[in-house]
N, C-alpha and C. Protein backbone atom coordinates (compact mmCIF):
# COMPACT_ATOMS: atom_id res chain seq x y z
N MET A 1 0.86 -1.25 0.08
CA MET A 1 -0.17 0.24 -0.10
C MET A 1 1.10 1.12 -0.12
N ALA A 2 0.44 1.99 -0.69
CA ALA A 2 1.59 2.87 -1.24
C ALA A 2 0.96 4.20 -0.14
N ARG A 3 2.15 4.86 0.74
CA ARG A 3 1.90 5.76 1.69
C ARG A 3 1.71 7.44 0.87
N GLY A 4 1.12 8.15 1.72
CA GLY A 4 1.07 9.43 1.01
C GLY A 4 1.91 10.23 0.85
N ARG A 5 2.17 11.01 0.16
CA ARG A 5 3.46 12.12 0.10
C ARG A 5 3.52 12.94 1.32
N GLY A 6 4.39 12.61 2.03
CA GLY A 6 5.13 13.28 3.26
C GLY A 6 4.69 12.32 4.30
N GLU A 7 3.69 11.34 4.15
CA GLU A 7 3.94 10.55 5.50
C GLU A 7 5.02 10.09 5.72
N GLY A 8 5.23 9.96 6.95
CA GLY A 8 6.35 9.20 7.56
C GLY A 8 7.70 9.98 7.45
N ALA A 9 7.80 11.21 6.46
CA ALA A 9 9.05 11.77 6.30
C ALA A 9 9.19 12.87 7.50
N ARG A 10 10.40 13.12 7.43
CA ARG A 10 11.07 13.85 8.71
C ARG A 10 10.80 15.60 8.42
N PRO A 11 10.17 16.28 8.96
CA PRO A 11 9.82 17.65 8.63
C PRO A 11 11.16 18.35 8.58
N ARG A 12 11.14 19.09 7.43
CA ARG A 12 12.30 20.24 7.14
C ARG A 12 12.13 21.28 7.26
N GLY A 13 13.49 22.05 7.79
CA GLY A 13 13.28 23.60 8.03
C GLY A 13 12.78 23.64 9.41
N ARG A 14 12.84 25.10 9.73
CA ARG A 14 11.96 25.42 11.26
C ARG A 14 11.01 25.42 11.36
N PRO A 15 10.39 24.97 12.47
CA PRO A 15 8.96 24.69 12.63
C PRO A 15 8.00 26.19 12.08
N GLN A 16 6.92 26.09 11.74
CA GLN A 16 6.25 27.74 11.68
C GLN A 16 5.95 28.18 12.63
N GLY A 17 6.15 29.60 12.81
CA GLY A 17 5.71 30.41 14.08
C GLY A 17 7.46 30.54 14.86
N ALA A 18 7.95 29.47 14.58
CA ALA A 18 9.39 30.11 15.51
C ALA A 18 10.32 30.94 14.92
N GLY A 19 10.57 32.22 15.64
CA GLY A 19 11.19 33.43 15.30
C GLY A 19 12.54 33.17 15.83
N PRO A 20 13.32 34.34 15.49
CA PRO A 20 14.87 34.59 16.50
C PRO A 20 14.54 34.43 17.82
N SER A 21 16.03 33.98 18.39
CA SER A 21 15.77 33.78 20.09
C SER A 21 15.88 35.20 20.31
N THR A 22 15.30 35.55 21.71
CA THR A 22 15.13 36.55 21.98
C THR A 22 16.14 36.63 23.60
N VAL A 23 16.62 35.50 23.81
CA VAL A 23 17.61 35.23 25.11
C VAL A 23 18.91 36.04 25.21
N ARG A 24 19.34 37.04 25.91
CA ARG A 24 20.52 37.49 25.88
C ARG A 24 21.21 37.31 27.03
N ARG A 25 22.43 36.62 26.50
CA ARG A 25 23.50 36.32 27.50
C ARG A 25 24.11 37.51 28.00
N GLU A 26 24.35 37.23 29.40
CA GLU A 26 25.25 38.63 29.96
C GLU A 26 26.62 38.15 30.22
N PRO A 27 27.52 39.21 29.83
CA PRO A 27 28.81 38.52 29.58
C PRO A 27 29.32 38.46 31.23
N CYS A 28 30.20 37.28 31.16
CA CYS A 28 31.00 36.90 32.48
C CYS A 28 32.10 37.76 33.07
N SER A 29 31.91 37.84 34.46
CA SER A 29 32.55 39.02 35.32
C SER A 29 33.29 37.70 36.28
N SER A 30 34.77 38.49 36.47
CA SER A 30 35.49 37.37 37.25
C SER A 30 34.69 37.77 38.89
N ALA A 31 35.18 36.56 39.69
CA ALA A 31 34.61 36.91 40.96
C ALA A 31 35.19 37.86 41.79
N THR A 32 36.35 38.69 41.31
CA THR A 32 37.14 39.72 42.27
C THR A 32 36.97 40.92 41.56
N GLY A 33 36.20 40.82 40.07
CA GLY A 33 36.02 41.93 39.43
C GLY A 33 34.73 43.14 40.08
N THR A 34 34.90 44.20 39.34
CA THR A 34 33.73 45.26 40.04
C THR A 34 33.14 45.72 38.81
N ALA A 35 33.52 45.46 37.69
CA ALA A 35 32.86 45.93 36.22
C ALA A 35 32.74 44.73 35.45
N ARG A 36 31.92 45.04 34.65
CA ARG A 36 31.48 44.11 33.35
C ARG A 36 32.40 44.51 32.16
N VAL A 37 32.60 43.75 31.12
CA VAL A 37 33.78 43.96 30.37
C VAL A 37 33.27 45.38 29.54
N ASP A 38 31.70 45.74 29.63
CA ASP A 38 31.60 46.89 28.67
C ASP A 38 31.87 48.21 29.95
N GLY A 39 32.25 48.16 30.77
CA GLY A 39 32.90 49.05 31.91
C GLY A 39 31.53 49.59 32.87
N THR A 40 30.46 48.92 32.70
CA THR A 40 29.62 49.31 33.48
C THR A 40 30.02 48.77 35.07
N PRO A 41 29.43 49.04 36.06
CA PRO A 41 29.53 48.72 37.56
C PRO A 41 28.70 47.20 37.52
N ALA A 42 29.27 46.19 38.26
CA ALA A 42 28.54 45.09 38.50
C ALA A 42 27.43 45.21 39.43
N PRO A 43 26.67 44.43 39.39
CA PRO A 43 25.20 44.55 40.30
C PRO A 43 25.85 44.30 42.01
N GLY A 44 25.15 45.60 42.50
CA GLY A 44 25.52 45.33 44.10
C GLY A 44 27.04 45.68 44.62
N ARG A 45 27.90 46.09 43.66
CA ARG A 45 28.99 46.37 43.85
C ARG A 45 29.32 47.94 43.37
N GLU A 46 30.02 48.71 44.27
CA GLU A 46 29.95 50.13 44.10
C GLU A 46 31.48 50.52 43.86
N ARG A 47 32.12 51.23 42.82
CA ARG A 47 33.23 51.56 42.97
C ARG A 47 33.43 52.63 43.80
N ARG A 48 34.80 52.46 44.61
CA ARG A 48 35.33 53.06 45.51
C ARG A 48 36.34 54.30 44.95
N PRO A 49 36.28 55.34 45.56
CA PRO A 49 37.10 56.59 44.87
C PRO A 49 38.37 56.05 45.67
N ALA A 50 39.47 56.78 44.90
CA ALA A 50 40.68 56.63 45.08
C ALA A 50 40.82 57.68 46.55
N PRO A 51 42.07 56.75 47.30
CA PRO A 51 42.23 57.62 48.76
C PRO A 51 43.07 59.17 48.35
N HIS A 52 42.80 59.98 49.02
CA HIS A 52 43.12 61.36 48.71
C HIS A 52 44.44 61.39 49.63
N ILE A 53 45.47 61.64 49.21
CA ILE A 53 46.88 61.42 49.47
C ILE A 53 47.30 63.26 49.59
N PRO A 54 47.49 63.68 50.85
CA PRO A 54 47.91 65.09 50.68
C PRO A 54 49.48 65.17 50.49
N ARG A 55 49.95 66.30 49.79
CA ARG A 55 51.29 66.60 49.06
C ARG A 55 51.44 68.03 49.43
N SER A 56 52.84 68.17 49.89
CA SER A 56 53.42 69.42 50.02
C SER A 56 53.74 69.70 48.83
N THR A 57 53.91 70.77 48.56
CA THR A 57 54.63 71.64 47.42
C THR A 57 55.58 72.28 47.52
N VAL A 58 56.26 72.31 48.80
CA VAL A 58 57.09 73.09 49.09
C VAL A 58 58.23 72.07 49.68
N SER A 59 59.73 72.13 49.27
CA SER A 59 60.50 70.99 49.69
C SER A 59 61.47 71.77 50.36
N ALA A 60 62.40 71.25 51.25
CA ALA A 60 63.35 71.59 51.97
C ALA A 60 64.70 71.31 51.24
N THR A 61 65.46 72.34 51.47
CA THR A 61 66.75 72.41 50.61
C THR A 61 67.84 72.41 51.94
N GLU A 62 68.46 70.96 51.92
CA GLU A 62 69.66 71.15 53.10
C GLU A 62 70.93 71.38 52.64
N ILE A 63 71.44 72.28 53.47
CA ILE A 63 72.82 72.83 53.33
C ILE A 63 73.67 72.81 54.45
N THR A 64 75.15 72.82 53.92
CA THR A 64 76.23 72.58 55.12
C THR A 64 77.06 73.67 55.00
N VAL A 65 77.21 74.72 56.02
CA VAL A 65 77.71 75.90 55.72
C VAL A 65 79.02 75.94 56.63
N ILE A 66 80.30 76.08 56.12
CA ILE A 66 81.52 76.16 56.99
C ILE A 66 81.87 77.65 57.03
N GLY A 67 81.95 78.44 58.24
CA GLY A 67 82.60 79.72 58.24
C GLY A 67 82.80 79.88 59.90
N ASN A 68 82.58 81.30 60.06
CA ASN A 68 83.00 81.74 61.44
C ASN A 68 81.65 82.92 61.82
N VAL A 69 81.35 82.71 63.14
CA VAL A 69 80.46 83.40 63.84
C VAL A 69 80.67 84.91 64.03
N VAL A 70 79.89 85.61 63.22
CA VAL A 70 80.10 87.03 63.48
C VAL A 70 79.75 88.12 64.19
N ASN A 71 78.81 87.37 65.37
CA ASN A 71 78.31 88.10 66.27
C ASN A 71 77.74 87.22 67.31
N ALA A 72 77.75 87.88 68.85
CA ALA A 72 77.36 87.17 69.94
C ALA A 72 75.91 86.47 69.80
N PRO A 73 75.79 85.11 70.13
CA PRO A 73 74.63 84.45 69.98
C PRO A 73 73.66 84.81 70.90
N THR A 74 72.38 85.13 70.58
CA THR A 74 71.32 85.56 71.51
C THR A 74 70.35 84.38 71.76
N ARG A 75 69.77 84.56 72.90
CA ARG A 75 68.69 83.43 73.45
C ARG A 75 67.64 84.46 73.31
N ASN A 76 66.38 84.01 72.72
CA ASN A 76 65.03 84.60 72.84
C ASN A 76 64.08 83.61 73.14
N ARG A 77 62.98 83.84 73.63
CA ARG A 77 62.10 83.20 74.47
C ARG A 77 60.74 83.58 73.49
N THR A 78 59.91 82.44 72.56
CA THR A 78 58.90 82.78 72.06
C THR A 78 57.56 82.04 72.52
N GLN A 79 56.94 81.91 71.60
CA GLN A 79 55.24 81.35 72.09
C GLN A 79 55.51 79.90 71.55
N ASN A 80 56.76 79.64 70.70
CA ASN A 80 56.82 78.15 70.00
C ASN A 80 58.22 77.70 70.73
N GLY A 81 58.67 78.43 71.77
CA GLY A 81 59.86 77.76 72.62
C GLY A 81 60.97 78.56 72.57
N SER A 82 62.09 78.43 72.97
CA SER A 82 63.11 79.15 73.15
C SER A 82 64.20 78.93 71.86
N VAL A 83 64.82 79.90 71.47
CA VAL A 83 65.62 79.80 70.04
C VAL A 83 66.97 80.54 70.37
N THR A 84 68.25 79.94 69.86
CA THR A 84 69.30 80.79 70.07
C THR A 84 69.41 81.14 68.45
N ASN A 85 69.76 82.70 68.23
CA ASN A 85 70.36 82.89 67.10
C ASN A 85 71.65 83.52 66.89
N PHE A 86 72.41 83.15 65.49
CA PHE A 86 73.53 83.98 65.30
C PHE A 86 73.88 84.14 64.17
N ARG A 87 74.83 84.76 63.75
CA ARG A 87 75.00 85.29 62.18
C ARG A 87 76.40 84.61 62.06
N MET A 88 76.63 84.13 60.70
CA MET A 88 77.96 83.55 60.42
C MET A 88 78.11 83.97 59.08
N ALA A 89 79.38 83.93 58.93
CA ALA A 89 80.32 84.08 57.36
C ALA A 89 80.82 83.36 56.77
N ALA A 90 80.65 83.03 55.63
CA ALA A 90 81.57 81.62 54.60
C ALA A 90 82.25 82.28 53.66
N THR A 91 83.37 82.39 53.79
CA THR A 91 84.33 82.87 53.02
C THR A 91 85.19 82.43 51.93
N GLU A 92 85.06 82.04 50.51
CA GLU A 92 85.74 81.11 49.65
C GLU A 92 87.15 81.35 49.74
N ARG A 93 87.71 80.71 49.56
CA ARG A 93 89.30 80.60 49.42
C ARG A 93 89.42 80.09 47.81
N ARG A 94 90.72 81.11 47.12
CA ARG A 94 90.97 80.84 45.98
C ARG A 94 92.44 80.96 45.51
N PHE A 95 93.11 80.31 44.61
CA PHE A 95 94.43 80.81 44.57
C PHE A 95 94.58 81.95 43.58
N ASP A 96 95.13 82.83 43.90
CA ASP A 96 95.58 83.92 42.83
C ASP A 96 96.91 83.54 42.14
N SER A 97 96.48 83.23 40.92
CA SER A 97 97.91 82.96 40.12
C SER A 97 98.99 84.23 39.89
N ALA A 98 98.43 85.77 39.89
CA ALA A 98 99.21 86.74 40.00
C ALA A 98 100.22 86.66 41.31
N THR A 99 99.75 86.29 42.13
CA THR A 99 100.66 86.51 43.51
C THR A 99 101.13 85.20 43.90
N GLN A 100 100.57 84.05 43.27
CA GLN A 100 101.00 82.53 43.57
C GLN A 100 100.74 82.34 45.06
N ASP A 101 99.34 82.98 45.60
CA ASP A 101 99.24 82.59 46.93
C ASP A 101 97.46 82.57 46.86
N TRP A 102 96.93 81.76 48.31
CA TRP A 102 95.82 81.90 48.44
C TRP A 102 94.98 83.23 49.04
N VAL A 103 93.96 83.73 48.64
CA VAL A 103 93.53 84.69 48.93
C VAL A 103 91.82 84.53 49.17
N ASP A 104 91.29 85.44 50.23
CA ASP A 104 89.88 85.37 50.44
C ASP A 104 89.37 85.87 48.94
N GLY A 105 88.04 85.20 48.91
CA GLY A 105 86.84 85.16 47.68
C GLY A 105 85.92 85.94 48.47
N HIS A 106 84.69 85.63 47.88
CA HIS A 106 83.25 86.33 48.08
C HIS A 106 82.88 85.83 49.31
N SER A 107 82.21 86.53 50.23
CA SER A 107 82.01 85.85 51.41
C SER A 107 80.04 85.92 51.36
N PHE A 108 79.70 84.82 52.00
CA PHE A 108 78.24 84.48 52.28
C PHE A 108 77.83 84.72 53.67
N PHE A 109 77.14 85.60 53.91
CA PHE A 109 76.63 85.79 55.25
C PHE A 109 75.04 85.33 54.93
N VAL A 110 74.68 84.52 56.38
CA VAL A 110 73.63 83.76 56.67
C VAL A 110 73.18 83.93 58.04
N ASP A 111 72.12 84.17 58.30
CA ASP A 111 71.23 84.19 59.95
C ASP A 111 71.26 82.18 60.14
N VAL A 112 71.70 81.99 61.43
CA VAL A 112 71.30 80.51 61.67
C VAL A 112 70.41 80.71 63.06
N GLU A 113 69.28 79.94 63.34
CA GLU A 113 68.38 79.70 64.07
C GLU A 113 68.74 78.41 64.75
N CYS A 114 68.82 78.14 66.05
CA CYS A 114 68.97 77.07 66.74
C CYS A 114 67.71 76.61 67.77
N TRP A 115 66.54 76.04 67.67
CA TRP A 115 65.56 75.99 68.53
C TRP A 115 65.81 74.39 69.46
N GLY A 116 65.20 74.80 70.80
CA GLY A 116 65.16 73.58 71.72
C GLY A 116 66.17 73.46 72.37
N GLU A 117 66.73 72.04 72.55
CA GLU A 117 67.97 71.75 73.18
C GLU A 117 69.36 72.07 72.40
N LEU A 118 69.32 72.12 71.15
CA LEU A 118 70.44 72.55 70.20
C LEU A 118 70.63 74.00 70.69
N GLY A 119 69.46 74.74 70.45
CA GLY A 119 69.87 76.48 70.97
C GLY A 119 70.83 76.69 72.28
N GLY A 120 70.11 75.54 73.32
CA GLY A 120 70.47 75.85 74.62
C GLY A 120 72.05 75.57 74.81
N ASN A 121 72.55 74.59 74.20
CA ASN A 121 74.02 74.17 73.94
C ASN A 121 74.49 75.11 72.86
N VAL A 122 74.15 75.58 72.02
CA VAL A 122 74.81 76.64 71.10
C VAL A 122 75.36 77.70 71.98
N SER A 123 74.42 78.28 72.73
CA SER A 123 74.17 79.54 73.65
C SER A 123 75.66 79.41 74.46
N HIS A 124 75.80 78.20 75.04
CA HIS A 124 76.80 77.66 75.87
C HIS A 124 77.98 77.11 75.37
N SER A 125 77.94 76.86 74.06
CA SER A 125 79.27 76.47 73.82
C SER A 125 80.21 77.60 72.30
N ILE A 126 79.08 78.41 71.83
CA ILE A 126 79.39 78.98 70.71
C ILE A 126 79.68 80.40 70.94
N SER A 127 80.66 80.89 70.36
CA SER A 127 81.15 82.41 70.59
C SER A 127 81.31 82.99 69.43
N LYS A 128 81.63 84.46 69.72
CA LYS A 128 82.14 85.49 68.36
C LYS A 128 83.33 84.95 68.00
N GLY A 129 83.23 84.81 66.68
CA GLY A 129 84.65 84.48 66.05
C GLY A 129 85.08 82.86 65.54
N ASP A 130 84.37 82.27 66.73
CA ASP A 130 84.44 80.62 66.56
C ASP A 130 84.14 80.14 65.37
N PRO A 131 84.87 79.31 64.77
CA PRO A 131 85.06 78.40 63.39
C PRO A 131 83.93 77.45 63.54
N VAL A 132 82.90 77.36 63.04
CA VAL A 132 81.61 76.53 63.07
C VAL A 132 81.38 75.89 61.47
N VAL A 133 80.40 74.51 61.76
CA VAL A 133 79.96 73.78 60.70
C VAL A 133 78.48 73.78 60.99
N VAL A 134 77.83 74.26 60.18
CA VAL A 134 76.45 74.30 60.43
C VAL A 134 75.50 73.42 59.66
N VAL A 135 74.49 72.65 59.74
CA VAL A 135 74.00 71.72 58.82
C VAL A 135 72.67 72.30 58.95
N GLY A 136 71.64 72.40 58.17
CA GLY A 136 70.34 72.74 58.18
C GLY A 136 69.68 72.92 57.03
N ASN A 137 68.42 73.60 57.27
CA ASN A 137 67.32 74.03 55.70
C ASN A 137 67.55 75.28 55.66
N ILE A 138 67.94 75.68 54.63
CA ILE A 138 67.92 77.23 54.10
C ILE A 138 66.46 77.55 53.47
N ARG A 139 66.19 78.85 53.98
CA ARG A 139 65.17 79.53 53.55
C ARG A 139 65.23 80.85 53.63
N THR A 140 64.20 81.42 53.30
CA THR A 140 64.16 83.36 53.00
C THR A 140 63.31 83.68 54.17
N HIS A 141 64.00 84.70 54.69
CA HIS A 141 63.40 85.00 56.38
C HIS A 141 62.80 86.38 55.68
N GLU A 142 61.78 86.75 56.10
CA GLU A 142 61.32 87.99 55.62
C GLU A 142 60.42 88.79 56.79
N TRP A 143 60.66 89.93 56.52
CA TRP A 143 59.83 90.87 57.93
C TRP A 143 60.11 92.51 57.30
N GLU A 144 58.95 93.05 58.03
CA GLU A 144 58.58 94.38 57.96
C GLU A 144 59.52 95.43 58.60
N SER A 145 59.99 96.64 58.01
CA SER A 145 60.80 97.40 58.52
C SER A 145 60.44 98.80 58.52
N GLU A 146 60.95 99.78 58.79
CA GLU A 146 60.66 101.17 58.53
C GLU A 146 60.95 101.46 56.87
N GLN A 147 61.97 100.82 56.76
CA GLN A 147 62.72 100.78 55.32
C GLN A 147 61.70 100.11 54.27
N GLY A 148 60.76 99.45 54.58
CA GLY A 148 60.05 98.53 53.89
C GLY A 148 60.25 97.07 54.09
N ARG A 149 59.76 96.21 53.19
CA ARG A 149 60.08 94.65 53.31
C ARG A 149 61.31 94.33 53.16
N ARG A 150 61.89 93.60 54.07
CA ARG A 150 63.18 93.10 53.82
C ARG A 150 63.49 91.77 53.66
N SER A 151 64.56 91.14 53.51
CA SER A 151 64.62 89.56 53.42
C SER A 151 66.09 89.40 53.44
N ARG A 152 66.41 88.26 54.05
CA ARG A 152 67.86 87.47 54.16
C ARG A 152 67.63 86.29 54.08
N PRO A 153 68.74 85.38 53.97
CA PRO A 153 68.64 83.83 53.97
C PRO A 153 68.95 83.20 55.62
N GLN A 154 68.37 82.55 55.54
CA GLN A 154 68.58 81.83 57.17
C GLN A 154 68.36 80.40 57.13
N VAL A 155 69.20 79.87 58.01
CA VAL A 155 69.36 78.14 58.01
C VAL A 155 68.69 77.94 59.44
N LYS A 156 67.45 76.81 59.43
CA LYS A 156 67.25 76.48 60.53
C LYS A 156 68.15 75.19 60.77
N ALA A 157 68.81 75.56 61.71
CA ALA A 157 70.01 74.65 62.06
C ALA A 157 69.49 73.23 62.65
N GLU A 158 70.14 71.72 62.08
CA GLU A 158 69.67 70.55 62.74
C GLU A 158 70.87 70.09 63.41
N ALA A 159 72.22 70.88 62.94
CA ALA A 159 73.33 70.33 63.96
C ALA A 159 74.11 71.84 63.79
N VAL A 160 75.10 71.61 64.79
CA VAL A 160 76.22 72.79 64.96
C VAL A 160 76.98 72.43 65.53
N ALA A 161 78.56 72.50 64.77
CA ALA A 161 79.56 71.87 65.42
C ALA A 161 80.86 72.72 65.41
N PRO A 162 81.89 72.86 66.19
CA PRO A 162 83.03 73.40 65.89
C PRO A 162 83.87 72.67 64.86
N ASN A 163 84.39 73.89 64.23
CA ASN A 163 85.67 73.18 63.04
C ASN A 163 86.53 72.50 63.45
N LEU A 164 86.64 71.27 63.63
CA LEU A 164 88.18 70.74 63.93
C LEU A 164 88.95 70.89 63.36
N ALA A 165 89.13 71.42 61.96
CA ALA A 165 90.26 71.76 61.15
C ALA A 165 90.87 72.99 61.38
N ARG A 166 90.44 73.65 62.69
CA ARG A 166 90.70 74.81 62.76
C ARG A 166 91.36 74.98 64.38
N GLY A 167 91.09 73.89 64.85
CA GLY A 167 91.31 74.06 66.62
C GLY A 167 90.92 72.30 67.21
N VAL A 168 90.72 72.36 68.58
CA VAL A 168 90.34 71.16 69.24
C VAL A 168 89.23 71.83 69.92
N ALA A 169 88.69 70.88 70.44
CA ALA A 169 87.43 70.67 71.48
C ALA A 169 86.80 70.00 72.25
N GLU A 170 86.37 69.85 73.71
CA GLU A 170 86.18 69.26 74.34
C GLU A 170 84.67 68.89 74.42
N PHE A 171 84.44 67.40 74.33
CA PHE A 171 82.75 67.26 74.35
C PHE A 171 82.58 66.79 75.68
N ARG A 172 81.55 67.34 75.88
CA ARG A 172 80.42 66.81 77.10
C ARG A 172 79.29 66.97 77.08
N ARG A 173 78.66 65.58 77.11
CA ARG A 173 77.52 65.12 76.93
C ARG A 173 76.29 66.13 78.00
N THR A 174 75.23 66.52 77.27
CA THR A 174 74.39 67.05 78.32
C THR A 174 73.42 66.00 78.96
N PRO A 175 73.20 66.38 80.34
CA PRO A 175 72.12 65.27 80.78
C PRO A 175 70.62 65.10 80.21
N ARG A 176 70.14 64.14 80.40
CA ARG A 176 68.73 63.97 80.24
C ARG A 176 67.77 65.46 80.68
N THR A 177 66.66 65.62 79.82
CA THR A 177 65.93 66.77 80.46
C THR A 177 65.39 66.46 81.51
N ALA A 178 65.33 67.53 82.51
CA ALA A 178 64.96 67.77 83.87
C ALA A 178 63.49 67.76 84.12
N PRO A 179 62.77 67.33 84.94
CA PRO A 179 61.36 67.50 84.92
C PRO A 179 60.94 69.14 85.18
N ALA A 180 59.78 69.38 85.17
CA ALA A 180 59.15 70.94 85.43
C ALA A 180 59.99 71.61 86.65
N VAL A 181 60.13 72.81 86.47
CA VAL A 181 60.54 73.53 87.67
C VAL A 181 59.60 73.83 88.34
N ALA A 182 59.51 73.69 89.89
CA ALA A 182 58.54 73.76 90.77
C ALA A 182 58.44 75.28 91.02
N ASP A 183 57.24 75.87 91.32
CA ASP A 183 57.25 77.39 91.87
C ASP A 183 58.06 77.94 92.83
N GLY A 184 58.66 78.50 92.42
CA GLY A 184 59.90 79.31 93.58
C GLY A 184 61.42 78.83 93.33
N ALA A 185 61.35 77.80 92.63
CA ALA A 185 62.67 77.26 92.46
C ALA A 185 63.40 77.96 91.25
N THR A 186 64.64 77.71 91.35
CA THR A 186 65.38 78.50 90.16
C THR A 186 65.70 77.66 89.04
N ASP A 187 65.44 77.94 87.82
CA ASP A 187 65.54 77.26 86.40
C ASP A 187 66.84 77.53 86.21
N THR A 188 67.94 76.44 86.11
CA THR A 188 69.19 76.45 86.01
C THR A 188 69.94 76.39 84.30
N SER A 189 68.73 75.95 83.67
CA SER A 189 68.97 75.58 82.36
C SER A 189 69.47 76.76 81.37
N GLU A 190 69.14 77.96 81.72
CA GLU A 190 70.03 78.78 81.00
C GLU A 190 71.10 79.62 81.54
N VAL A 191 71.63 78.89 82.61
CA VAL A 191 72.98 79.34 83.32
C VAL A 191 74.14 78.52 82.62
N PRO A 192 75.03 79.24 81.88
CA PRO A 192 76.14 78.45 81.44
C PRO A 192 77.09 77.98 82.42
N ALA A 193 77.54 76.64 82.13
CA ALA A 193 78.10 75.51 83.02
C ALA A 193 79.77 76.20 83.17
N VAL A 194 80.17 75.87 84.24
CA VAL A 194 81.48 76.22 84.47
C VAL A 194 82.36 75.10 84.30
N THR A 195 83.42 75.48 83.53
CA THR A 195 84.50 74.54 83.15
C THR A 195 85.54 74.15 84.04
N GLY A 196 86.23 73.18 83.67
CA GLY A 196 87.35 72.74 85.04
C GLY A 196 88.20 73.75 85.16
N ASP A 197 88.57 74.86 84.14
CA ASP A 197 89.44 76.00 84.21
C ASP A 197 88.82 77.24 84.78
N GLY A 198 87.70 76.94 85.35
CA GLY A 198 86.99 78.17 85.78
C GLY A 198 86.19 79.29 84.77
N PHE A 199 86.49 79.05 83.60
CA PHE A 199 85.62 79.63 82.58
C PHE A 199 84.29 79.29 82.20
N LEU A 200 83.57 80.19 81.91
CA LEU A 200 81.93 80.10 81.52
C LEU A 200 82.01 79.52 80.23
N GLY A 201 81.19 78.76 80.05
CA GLY A 201 80.73 78.36 78.40
C GLY A 201 80.13 79.21 77.95
N GLY A 202 80.39 79.47 76.89
CA GLY A 202 79.67 80.27 75.96
C GLY A 202 80.03 81.92 76.63
N ARG A 203 80.81 82.12 76.40
CA ARG A 203 81.42 83.49 77.17
C ARG A 203 80.89 84.75 76.55
N ASP A 204 80.29 84.54 75.33
CA ASP A 204 79.43 85.82 74.48
C ASP A 204 78.13 85.82 74.44
N TYR A 205 77.71 84.75 75.61
CA TYR A 205 75.95 84.69 75.67
C TYR A 205 75.35 85.92 75.74
N GLU A 206 74.30 86.14 75.53
CA GLU A 206 73.31 87.40 75.48
C GLU A 206 72.53 86.69 75.58
N GLU A 207 71.37 87.55 76.74
CA GLU A 207 69.74 87.44 76.64
C GLU A 207 69.15 88.24 76.02
N ALA A 208 68.61 88.14 75.26
CA ALA A 208 67.99 89.18 74.58
C ALA A 208 66.44 89.04 74.37
N GLU A 209 65.84 90.57 74.69
CA GLU A 209 63.94 90.16 74.82
C GLU A 209 63.44 90.58 73.27
N GLN A 210 64.28 91.08 72.57
CA GLN A 210 63.84 91.46 71.29
C GLN A 210 64.10 90.29 69.99
N ALA A 211 63.27 90.39 69.26
CA ALA A 211 63.41 89.21 68.17
C ALA A 211 64.86 89.65 67.46
N PHE A 212 65.21 88.54 66.86
CA PHE A 212 66.27 88.63 66.08
C PHE A 212 66.56 89.61 65.04
N ASN A 213 65.52 89.67 64.15
CA ASN A 213 65.51 90.79 63.36
C ASN A 213 65.59 92.13 63.86
N GLU A 214 64.96 92.51 64.85
CA GLU A 214 64.78 93.61 65.46
C GLU A 214 66.22 94.16 65.98
N VAL A 215 67.00 93.02 66.26
CA VAL A 215 68.13 93.44 66.84
C VAL A 215 69.41 93.56 65.86
N THR A 216 69.14 92.83 64.65
CA THR A 216 70.12 93.38 63.52
C THR A 216 69.62 93.65 62.17
N GLY A 217 68.30 94.09 62.38
CA GLY A 217 67.78 94.93 61.34
C GLY A 217 68.44 96.18 60.78
N GLY A 218 68.78 96.79 61.83
CA GLY A 218 69.39 98.39 61.82
C GLY A 218 70.77 98.30 61.39
N LEU A 219 71.44 97.01 61.20
CA LEU A 219 72.88 96.97 61.11
C LEU A 219 73.41 97.03 59.44
N PRO A 220 74.18 97.92 59.28
CA PRO A 220 74.63 97.96 57.70
C PRO A 220 74.77 96.58 57.10
N ALA A 221 75.28 96.66 55.95
CA ALA A 221 74.97 95.58 55.06
C ALA A 221 76.52 95.16 55.24
N GLU A 222 77.14 93.89 55.31
CA GLU A 222 78.31 93.30 55.20
C GLU A 222 79.07 93.81 53.91
N PRO A 223 80.44 94.05 53.82
CA PRO A 223 81.16 94.17 52.93
C PRO A 223 81.41 92.74 52.15
N VAL A 224 81.24 93.05 50.87
CA VAL A 224 81.59 91.74 49.90
C VAL A 224 83.09 92.15 49.18
N HIS A 225 83.87 91.22 49.58
CA HIS A 225 85.19 91.08 49.00
C HIS A 225 85.33 90.81 47.40
N ALA A 226 86.09 91.83 46.92
CA ALA A 226 86.15 91.83 45.37
C ALA A 226 86.63 90.45 45.11
């Protein structure tokens, strides 16, 4: 018995009524990622802003100055603590081919400020005319005067030492910081120490009530060697 056309035959093509697929596959994201491939944040996760790190736009310039103290160190008390100031000059040495000898060149004058315990030790140890080595940060000190705004270089010292290329020195370690002085007691922290030969340390030490720029502001400019 002949079968009808199409009976028992496998249907060809796509069933009628079947359209294109509407299923959308989401891109896979890694277990530790916070965003999809297209850059949008993953569900349930928020992008955290980068932490703000403050940065300073001013950098300190360290300098080493070798020279001589040109004035008696002065000790001042300020709201920020005690400070010792002095002025020093560093004069270069150059060889003069005409005289076949070493001569003085230009001089560099600079103010030096020493805070805290360093300042106390400087006032007891350094005198006018002493050869010293100063290490610190250099900056420009500015102030207002009757002649207008003035400025000069200043070094905030981190270390001050005698120049042993010019002589010898005897080192004596300072004791630990003593507790606060009770009412009615005498504060001896500002009293120069007496050495074994009877001399007072820091023989040029001066107690000053004025600010350093007020003490030296009216001084004439230092001569500059040709």
